[in-house]
Amino acid sequence: MFSLSVRFRPSRTPSGEGRVWYVIRQGEKTRTIASEIRSADPRIIHIAKDRLVFDLKSISRTIEDMCDVSKDVSLDDVIDKCSATLRGENPYAELIERLGSHFPVRNDITRISKEYADCFEIVRPAPVTDSSVMLLEYIDRLAFDYRKDGKSSSGSYRSTRHSLSRFLDGKDIAIDSVNTTLINDYRQYLSTIVSPETASFYIRVLRSTLNHARREGFFNKQINWPSTINSHSKTQKTTPPLRTLDRDTMRRIADLDLTGLPDAMLVRDIFMFSFYAQGIELVDLANLRITSLTGNHLSYRRRIKGRLVSVHLGENALAIIKRHHEPQSQFLFPLLHQGSKDYSFSWVKTRIRTALQTISKLIDADITLSFGMSRNTWLQLSNTINQSESMI
């Protein structure tokens, strides 16, 4: 499977024009194709969206045509063919104009990044025969569909898929070969490596998978499911208290002199920004774009729940943005992208954890700081808008 996205690379020359690139991934490999779109403004990827979508449609159709001819399509071949499509006479131009937002893309071949997916019509081709439907492949399709729809159950299917793959020694099997014997063997296998609750979870997801397949006509067997799969722990769960900080500690963090420690200074500032911005979570903060800020008004959509959040920022929060925003970057803070380099969110979390350990020692804190304490402290101290700065 290939995935398509768009990236803006700023110029290394001050005030120079950056360029938009098309990013094509196949597994762990990534290659790029330079577009003809240049600008000094990173918002060009939003301003020129129509042009970018046109090219993405051209690339996706080129890849599909290549896969129809051969099942063994390399990323290098795709780059060469797609570059020729974009640079030469585009054979898909008329089709793209005619279909508009109903332009189909097969999700078994190409995945479109969520910023542009709404401009495509995602289609899932029907298998040639029922016997061609493979269990692990089918779970992959379900997980992808749920992820595309923003549903958290995508993770449950991916986790179960990995568990089944280990049970099957990495081999896929036809979905219509699943029977009661295999289910019982899988349950016995799980009982030796995971807790009863986790085993029940995997079996329930497998049952849900087969129910999906039954509705689509791919599976019609009757399974005698283990009676234990609906069991849940009877232990009453207690919610641990939030780890928060008092006003004095927050003031000491805000006033701490971190001259000569640029990493700690950045992390301290975004820790305080989270508090000033009504407890914005790290994943949302790291992904804030310059388009999220209008004057002193910050708007963003939570990446976990999808809820739109609007916050009026005070002087301290705005000063932090001004201090750390890189002029050519589309991000408000240099976390996921700094200079000419991109970083993973896992790397960002490690960087922040290390810096917070340093800050904890400098303020002689009784506990080691974690980024979540900023949000927890705001939740404890305030439920009114834009009062965070005055609290400390």
Protein backbone atom coordinates (compact mmCIF):
# COMPACT_ATOMS: atom_id res chain seq x y z
CA MET A 1 0.00 0.00 0.00
CA PHE A 2 1.09 3.54 -0.75
CA SER A 3 0.25 6.67 1.25
CA LEU A 4 0.18 10.22 -0.09
CA SER A 5 0.66 13.49 1.77
CA VAL A 6 1.97 17.02 1.26
CA ARG A 7 4.82 18.84 2.98
CA PHE A 8 6.08 22.41 2.86
CA ARG A 9 9.83 22.88 3.10
CA PRO A 10 10.94 26.42 3.91
CA SER A 11 13.93 27.96 2.20
CA ARG A 12 17.24 27.92 4.03
CA THR A 13 17.79 31.45 2.79
CA PRO A 14 16.16 34.14 4.96
CA SER A 15 13.10 35.57 3.19
CA GLY A 16 13.55 32.99 0.42
CA GLU A 17 10.73 30.97 -1.07
CA GLY A 18 10.09 27.45 0.15
CA ARG A 19 8.61 24.66 -1.92
CA VAL A 20 5.71 22.23 -1.58
CA TRP A 21 6.60 18.55 -1.95
CA TYR A 22 4.43 15.49 -2.52
CA VAL A 23 5.36 12.71 -0.10
CA ILE A 24 4.84 9.08 -1.17
CA ARG A 25 5.38 6.25 1.32
CA GLN A 26 5.48 2.51 0.81
CA GLY A 27 6.00 0.65 4.07
CA GLU A 28 9.05 2.14 5.77
CA LYS A 29 10.32 3.82 2.58
CA THR A 30 9.59 7.47 1.78
CA ARG A 31 10.26 9.45 -1.38
CA THR A 32 9.24 12.93 -2.47
CA ILE A 33 8.33 14.72 -5.69
CA ALA A 34 8.88 18.47 -5.96
CA SER A 35 5.82 20.46 -6.96
CA GLU A 36 5.93 23.69 -8.92
CA ILE A 37 4.38 25.61 -6.02
CA ARG A 38 6.73 27.99 -4.23
CA SER A 39 6.09 30.56 -1.51
CA ALA A 40 7.67 32.12 1.55
CA ASP A 41 4.39 31.56 3.40
CA PRO A 42 3.96 28.01 4.80
CA ARG A 43 0.19 28.52 4.62
CA ILE A 44 0.52 27.93 0.89
CA ILE A 45 -0.44 24.28 1.48
CA HIS A 46 -3.88 25.58 2.51
CA ILE A 47 -4.08 28.44 0.03
CA ALA A 48 -3.19 26.22 -2.96
CA LYS A 49 -5.26 23.25 -1.79
CA ASP A 50 -7.18 22.89 -5.08
CA ARG A 51 -3.96 22.62 -7.09
CA LEU A 52 -2.45 20.18 -4.60
CA VAL A 53 -5.56 17.99 -4.63
CA PHE A 54 -5.48 17.91 -8.44
CA ASP A 55 -1.90 16.63 -8.38
CA LEU A 56 -2.65 14.11 -5.60
CA LYS A 57 -5.49 12.72 -7.71
CA SER A 58 -3.13 12.42 -10.67
CA ILE A 59 -0.60 10.58 -8.50
CA SER A 60 -3.19 8.22 -6.99
CA ARG A 61 -4.62 7.27 -10.38
CA THR A 62 -1.11 6.72 -11.78
CA ILE A 63 -0.34 4.33 -8.90
CA GLU A 64 -3.63 2.44 -9.35
CA ASP A 65 -2.99 1.96 -13.07
CA MET A 66 0.51 0.66 -12.32
CA CYS A 67 -0.85 -1.79 -9.73
CA ASP A 68 -3.48 -3.05 -12.18
CA VAL A 69 -0.69 -4.00 -14.59
CA SER A 70 1.68 -5.51 -12.02
CA LYS A 71 1.40 -6.55 -8.38
CA ASP A 72 5.11 -5.90 -7.86
CA VAL A 73 5.32 -2.10 -8.07
CA SER A 74 8.36 -0.48 -6.47
CA LEU A 75 8.46 2.98 -4.92
CA ASP A 76 11.19 4.03 -7.37
CA ASP A 77 8.97 3.06 -10.31
CA VAL A 78 6.10 5.03 -8.80
CA ILE A 79 8.25 8.15 -8.37
CA ASP A 80 9.44 7.99 -11.98
CA LYS A 81 5.95 7.41 -13.41
CA CYS A 82 4.21 10.02 -11.23
CA SER A 83 6.89 12.62 -11.97
CA ALA A 84 6.31 12.07 -15.68
CA THR A 85 2.53 12.44 -15.17
CA LEU A 86 2.90 15.75 -13.35
CA ARG A 87 5.52 17.19 -15.71
CA GLY A 88 4.06 16.02 -19.01
CA GLU A 89 0.63 15.89 -20.59
CA ASN A 90 -1.61 14.65 -17.77
CA PRO A 91 -3.83 11.84 -19.13
CA TYR A 92 -6.18 12.11 -16.14
CA ALA A 93 -6.90 15.86 -16.27
CA GLU A 94 -10.32 15.58 -17.92
CA LEU A 95 -11.41 12.77 -15.59
CA ILE A 96 -10.34 14.74 -12.51
CA GLU A 97 -12.24 17.85 -13.60
CA ARG A 98 -15.36 15.84 -14.43
CA LEU A 99 -15.56 13.83 -11.19
CA GLY A 100 -14.59 16.61 -8.77
CA SER A 101 -14.89 15.52 -5.12
CA HIS A 102 -16.30 12.17 -6.29
CA PHE A 103 -12.92 11.16 -7.68
CA PRO A 104 -12.45 7.56 -6.45
CA VAL A 105 -9.35 6.25 -4.70
CA ARG A 106 -8.99 2.58 -3.79
CA ASN A 107 -8.07 2.21 -0.14
CA ASP A 108 -6.42 -1.14 -0.76
CA ILE A 109 -3.80 0.61 -2.92
CA THR A 110 -3.52 4.25 -1.84
CA ARG A 111 -4.15 6.08 1.42
CA ILE A 112 -4.69 9.85 1.30
CA SER A 113 -3.68 12.04 4.26
CA LYS A 114 -6.65 13.27 6.27
CA GLU A 115 -6.10 16.92 5.26
CA TYR A 116 -7.11 16.05 1.70
CA ALA A 117 -9.19 12.87 2.08
CA ASP A 118 -12.46 14.83 1.96
CA CYS A 119 -11.69 15.71 -1.68
CA PHE A 120 -11.74 12.04 -2.67
CA GLU A 121 -14.33 9.30 -2.67
CA ILE A 122 -12.77 6.41 -0.77
CA VAL A 123 -13.78 3.06 -2.27
CA ARG A 124 -13.07 -0.49 -1.20
CA PRO A 125 -13.09 -2.90 -4.14
CA ALA A 126 -15.09 -6.06 -3.64
CA PRO A 127 -13.10 -9.30 -3.61
CA VAL A 128 -13.40 -11.52 -6.66
CA THR A 129 -14.67 -14.47 -4.59
CA ASP A 130 -15.48 -15.09 -0.95
CA SER A 131 -12.55 -17.50 -0.66
CA SER A 132 -10.16 -14.69 -1.60
CA VAL A 133 -10.89 -12.85 1.67
CA MET A 134 -8.04 -13.41 4.11
CA LEU A 135 -8.49 -12.97 7.85
CA LEU A 136 -5.54 -10.69 8.70
CA GLU A 137 -6.01 -8.66 5.53
CA TYR A 138 -9.70 -8.21 6.36
CA ILE A 139 -8.85 -6.98 9.88
CA ASP A 140 -6.38 -4.51 8.32
CA ARG A 141 -9.20 -3.16 6.16
CA LEU A 142 -11.52 -2.75 9.15
CA ALA A 143 -8.80 -1.00 11.16
CA PHE A 144 -8.09 1.38 8.29
CA ASP A 145 -11.78 2.21 7.81
CA TYR A 146 -12.23 2.94 11.52
CA ARG A 147 -9.09 5.06 11.58
CA LYS A 148 -10.26 7.02 8.52
CA ASP A 149 -13.54 7.71 10.32
CA GLY A 150 -11.66 8.87 13.42
CA LYS A 151 -12.89 5.98 15.60
CA SER A 152 -10.69 4.80 18.46
CA SER A 153 -11.68 1.14 17.90
CA SER A 154 -9.14 1.11 15.08
CA GLY A 155 -6.48 0.44 17.71
CA SER A 156 -8.41 -2.57 19.05
CA TYR A 157 -8.45 -4.18 15.61
CA ARG A 158 -4.75 -3.48 15.02
CA SER A 159 -3.83 -4.98 18.39
CA THR A 160 -5.92 -8.08 17.76
CA ARG A 161 -4.45 -8.42 14.29
CA HIS A 162 -0.91 -8.49 15.75
CA SER A 163 -1.97 -11.08 18.34
CA LEU A 164 -3.54 -13.32 15.69
CA SER A 165 -0.49 -12.97 13.46
CA ARG A 166 1.73 -14.27 16.26
CA PHE A 167 -0.70 -17.14 16.89
CA LEU A 168 -0.66 -18.04 13.18
CA ASP A 169 3.15 -17.71 12.93
CA GLY A 170 2.79 -14.77 10.58
CA LYS A 171 0.72 -16.68 8.02
CA ASP A 172 -2.65 -15.38 6.83
CA ILE A 173 -5.62 -17.74 6.46
CA ALA A 174 -8.88 -17.58 4.53
CA ILE A 175 -11.59 -16.06 6.66
CA ASP A 176 -13.99 -18.90 5.84
CA SER A 177 -11.52 -21.40 7.35
CA VAL A 178 -12.11 -20.00 10.85
CA ASN A 179 -14.08 -22.48 12.96
CA THR A 180 -14.79 -23.35 16.59
CA THR A 181 -11.64 -25.46 16.85
CA LEU A 182 -9.43 -22.58 15.77
CA ILE A 183 -11.19 -20.22 18.19
CA ASN A 184 -10.60 -22.62 21.09
CA ASP A 185 -6.96 -23.12 20.08
CA TYR A 186 -6.50 -19.34 19.97
CA ARG A 187 -8.11 -18.96 23.40
CA GLN A 188 -5.80 -21.65 24.81
CA TYR A 189 -2.80 -19.89 23.27
CA LEU A 190 -3.86 -16.57 24.82
CA SER A 191 -4.32 -18.14 28.27
CA THR A 192 -0.58 -18.88 28.40
CA ILE A 193 0.65 -15.36 27.60
CA VAL A 194 -1.93 -12.75 28.68
CA SER A 195 -4.43 -12.13 31.47
CA PRO A 196 -8.00 -13.50 31.23
CA GLU A 197 -9.31 -9.97 30.66
CA THR A 198 -6.93 -9.39 27.74
CA ALA A 199 -7.73 -12.80 26.26
CA SER A 200 -11.44 -11.97 26.47
CA PHE A 201 -10.77 -8.66 24.72
CA TYR A 202 -8.99 -10.31 21.76
CA ILE A 203 -11.70 -12.97 21.37
CA ARG A 204 -14.45 -10.33 21.42
CA VAL A 205 -12.71 -8.30 18.70
CA LEU A 206 -12.32 -11.46 16.61
CA ARG A 207 -16.03 -12.17 17.05
CA SER A 208 -16.83 -8.62 15.94
CA THR A 209 -14.59 -9.12 12.89
CA LEU A 210 -16.46 -12.27 11.86
CA ASN A 211 -19.80 -10.52 12.39
CA HIS A 212 -18.65 -7.81 9.97
CA ALA A 213 -17.61 -10.49 7.48
CA ARG A 214 -20.95 -12.25 7.89
CA ARG A 215 -22.86 -9.06 7.05
CA GLU A 216 -20.75 -8.65 3.91
CA GLY A 217 -21.35 -12.24 2.85
CA PHE A 218 -17.80 -13.48 3.42
CA PHE A 219 -18.51 -15.77 6.38
CA ASN A 220 -21.50 -17.99 7.16
CA LYS A 221 -20.34 -20.52 9.76
CA GLN A 222 -21.82 -20.88 13.22
CA ILE A 223 -19.23 -20.58 15.99
CA ASN A 224 -19.61 -21.90 19.53
CA TRP A 225 -17.96 -19.01 21.32
CA PRO A 226 -16.31 -19.59 24.72
CA SER A 227 -18.62 -18.64 27.57
CA THR A 228 -15.84 -16.64 29.22
CA ILE A 229 -15.40 -14.01 26.53
CA ASN A 230 -17.95 -11.67 28.08
CA SER A 231 -16.35 -11.81 31.50
CA HIS A 232 -14.96 -8.61 32.93
CA SER A 233 -13.03 -7.99 36.07
CA LYS A 234 -15.36 -7.47 39.03
CA THR A 235 -12.75 -5.42 40.84
CA GLN A 236 -14.01 -1.93 41.45
CA LYS A 237 -11.77 0.53 39.68
CA THR A 238 -10.73 3.66 41.49
CA THR A 239 -9.58 6.79 39.72
CA PRO A 240 -6.23 8.00 41.08
CA PRO A 241 -6.12 11.65 42.16
CA LEU A 242 -4.78 14.14 39.64
CA ARG A 243 -1.12 15.05 40.11
CA THR A 244 -1.20 18.83 40.43
CA LEU A 245 1.07 21.68 41.54
CA ASP A 246 0.37 24.52 43.93
CA ARG A 247 0.56 28.21 42.98
CA ASP A 248 3.99 28.68 44.54
CA THR A 249 5.51 25.87 42.48
CA MET A 250 3.94 27.19 39.29
CA ARG A 251 5.39 30.65 40.01
CA ARG A 252 8.84 29.19 40.62
CA ILE A 253 8.68 27.34 37.29
CA ALA A 254 7.52 30.47 35.45
CA ASP A 255 10.23 32.68 37.02
CA LEU A 256 13.09 30.16 36.76
CA ASP A 257 16.25 31.56 35.11
CA LEU A 258 17.21 29.06 32.41
CA THR A 259 19.88 31.11 30.67
CA GLY A 260 22.23 28.76 28.83
CA LEU A 261 19.69 25.92 28.83
CA PRO A 262 17.71 26.47 25.60
CA ASP A 263 16.01 23.06 25.66
CA ALA A 264 14.85 23.48 29.24
CA MET A 265 13.70 27.03 28.48
CA LEU A 266 11.56 25.86 25.54
CA VAL A 267 10.03 23.04 27.57
CA ARG A 268 9.38 25.31 30.57
CA ASP A 269 7.66 27.80 28.29
CA ILE A 270 5.39 25.27 26.59
CA PHE A 271 4.61 23.78 30.02
CA MET A 272 3.42 27.22 31.11
CA PHE A 273 1.69 27.80 27.77
CA SER A 274 -0.37 24.66 28.37
CA PHE A 275 -1.50 26.14 31.67
CA TYR A 276 -2.19 29.58 30.17
CA ALA A 277 -4.14 27.98 27.29
CA GLN A 278 -6.60 26.22 29.61
CA GLY A 279 -4.73 22.94 29.86
CA ILE A 280 -4.04 22.15 26.20
CA GLU A 281 -2.64 18.63 25.91
CA LEU A 282 0.85 18.00 24.55
CA VAL A 283 -0.26 16.24 21.36
CA ASP A 284 -2.51 19.19 20.49
CA LEU A 285 0.11 21.77 21.45
CA ALA A 286 2.80 20.10 19.33
CA ASN A 287 0.49 20.14 16.29
CA LEU A 288 -0.64 23.78 16.57
CA ARG A 289 -0.23 25.62 13.25
CA ILE A 290 0.10 29.32 12.63
CA THR A 291 -3.36 29.11 11.10
CA SER A 292 -4.65 28.16 14.57
CA LEU A 293 -3.92 31.67 15.86
CA THR A 294 -5.88 34.78 14.90
CA GLY A 295 -4.82 37.77 16.96
CA ASN A 296 -5.09 36.54 20.54
CA HIS A 297 -7.65 33.87 19.65
CA LEU A 298 -6.43 30.24 19.50
CA SER A 299 -8.61 27.59 17.84
CA TYR A 300 -7.74 23.94 17.39
CA ARG A 301 -9.43 20.56 17.13
CA ARG A 302 -8.48 17.99 19.75
CA ARG A 303 -6.70 15.11 18.05
CA ILE A 304 -8.03 12.50 20.47
CA LYS A 305 -11.74 13.40 20.58
CA GLY A 306 -12.05 15.73 17.59
CA ARG A 307 -13.76 18.48 19.62
CA LEU A 308 -13.19 22.09 18.51
CA VAL A 309 -11.59 24.21 21.25
CA SER A 310 -11.33 28.01 21.28
CA VAL A 311 -9.18 29.93 23.77
CA HIS A 312 -8.46 33.64 24.29
CA LEU A 313 -4.75 33.98 25.09
CA GLY A 314 -3.28 36.48 27.51
CA GLU A 315 -0.01 38.41 27.25
CA ASN A 316 2.17 35.69 28.77
CA ALA A 317 0.94 33.03 26.34
CA LEU A 318 1.37 35.34 23.33
CA ALA A 319 4.89 36.25 24.49
CA ILE A 320 5.82 32.55 24.57
CA ILE A 321 4.63 32.11 20.98
CA LYS A 322 6.58 35.17 19.86
CA ARG A 323 9.70 33.92 21.64
CA HIS A 324 9.75 30.45 20.07
CA HIS A 325 7.93 30.52 16.72
CA GLU A 326 10.28 30.03 13.77
CA PRO A 327 9.28 32.49 10.99
CA GLN A 328 9.36 29.95 8.14
CA SER A 329 7.60 27.16 10.04
CA GLN A 330 3.93 26.24 9.76
CA PHE A 331 3.99 25.14 13.43
CA LEU A 332 3.63 27.56 16.35
CA PHE A 333 6.32 25.76 18.36
CA PRO A 334 9.56 24.05 17.20
CA LEU A 335 8.67 20.56 18.42
CA LEU A 336 7.67 18.36 15.48
CA HIS A 337 9.65 20.52 13.08
CA GLN A 338 12.75 22.55 13.90
CA GLY A 339 15.00 24.19 11.36
CA SER A 340 15.00 21.82 8.40
CA LYS A 341 14.35 18.65 10.40
CA ASP A 342 11.15 16.75 11.24
CA TYR A 343 10.78 14.85 14.51
CA SER A 344 8.38 12.15 15.67
CA PHE A 345 5.97 12.77 18.54
CA SER A 346 7.71 10.00 20.51
CA TRP A 347 10.97 11.91 20.23
CA VAL A 348 9.21 15.10 21.37
CA LYS A 349 7.84 13.35 24.47
CA THR A 350 11.30 12.04 25.37
CA ARG A 351 12.82 15.49 24.90
CA ILE A 352 10.20 17.07 27.15
CA ARG A 353 10.50 14.38 29.82
CA THR A 354 14.27 14.89 30.01
CA ALA A 355 13.98 18.68 30.25
CA LEU A 356 11.30 18.47 32.95
CA GLN A 357 13.60 16.28 35.02
CA THR A 358 16.20 19.05 34.84
CA ILE A 359 13.64 21.70 35.80
CA SER A 360 12.45 19.56 38.74
CA LYS A 361 15.97 19.55 40.17
CA LEU A 362 16.46 23.28 39.64
CA ILE A 363 13.33 24.19 41.62
CA ASP A 364 13.96 21.50 44.26
CA ALA A 365 10.57 19.93 43.61
CA ASP A 366 9.49 17.06 45.84
CA ILE A 367 8.27 15.16 42.78
CA THR A 368 9.45 14.89 39.18
CA LEU A 369 7.43 17.12 36.90
CA SER A 370 5.37 15.65 34.08
CA PHE A 371 3.75 17.62 31.28
CA GLY A 372 0.28 16.46 32.33
CA MET A 373 0.66 18.34 35.62
CA SER A 374 0.19 21.62 33.76
CA ARG A 375 -3.22 20.55 32.47
CA ASN A 376 -4.19 18.94 35.77
CA THR A 377 -3.28 22.09 37.69
CA TRP A 378 -5.40 24.23 35.41
CA LEU A 379 -8.33 21.81 35.74
CA GLN A 380 -8.06 22.02 39.51
CA LEU A 381 -7.64 25.78 39.79
CA SER A 382 -9.97 27.10 37.12
CA ASN A 383 -13.12 26.46 35.17
CA THR A 384 -13.40 29.97 33.76
CA ILE A 385 -11.97 31.31 30.51
CA ASN A 386 -8.65 33.18 30.42
CA GLN A 387 -8.03 33.34 34.16
CA SER A 388 -4.95 31.11 34.14
CA GLU A 389 -2.34 33.88 33.93
CA SER A 390 -3.77 35.86 36.84
CA MET A 391 -3.73 32.78 39.08
CA ILE A 392 0.04 32.66 39.34
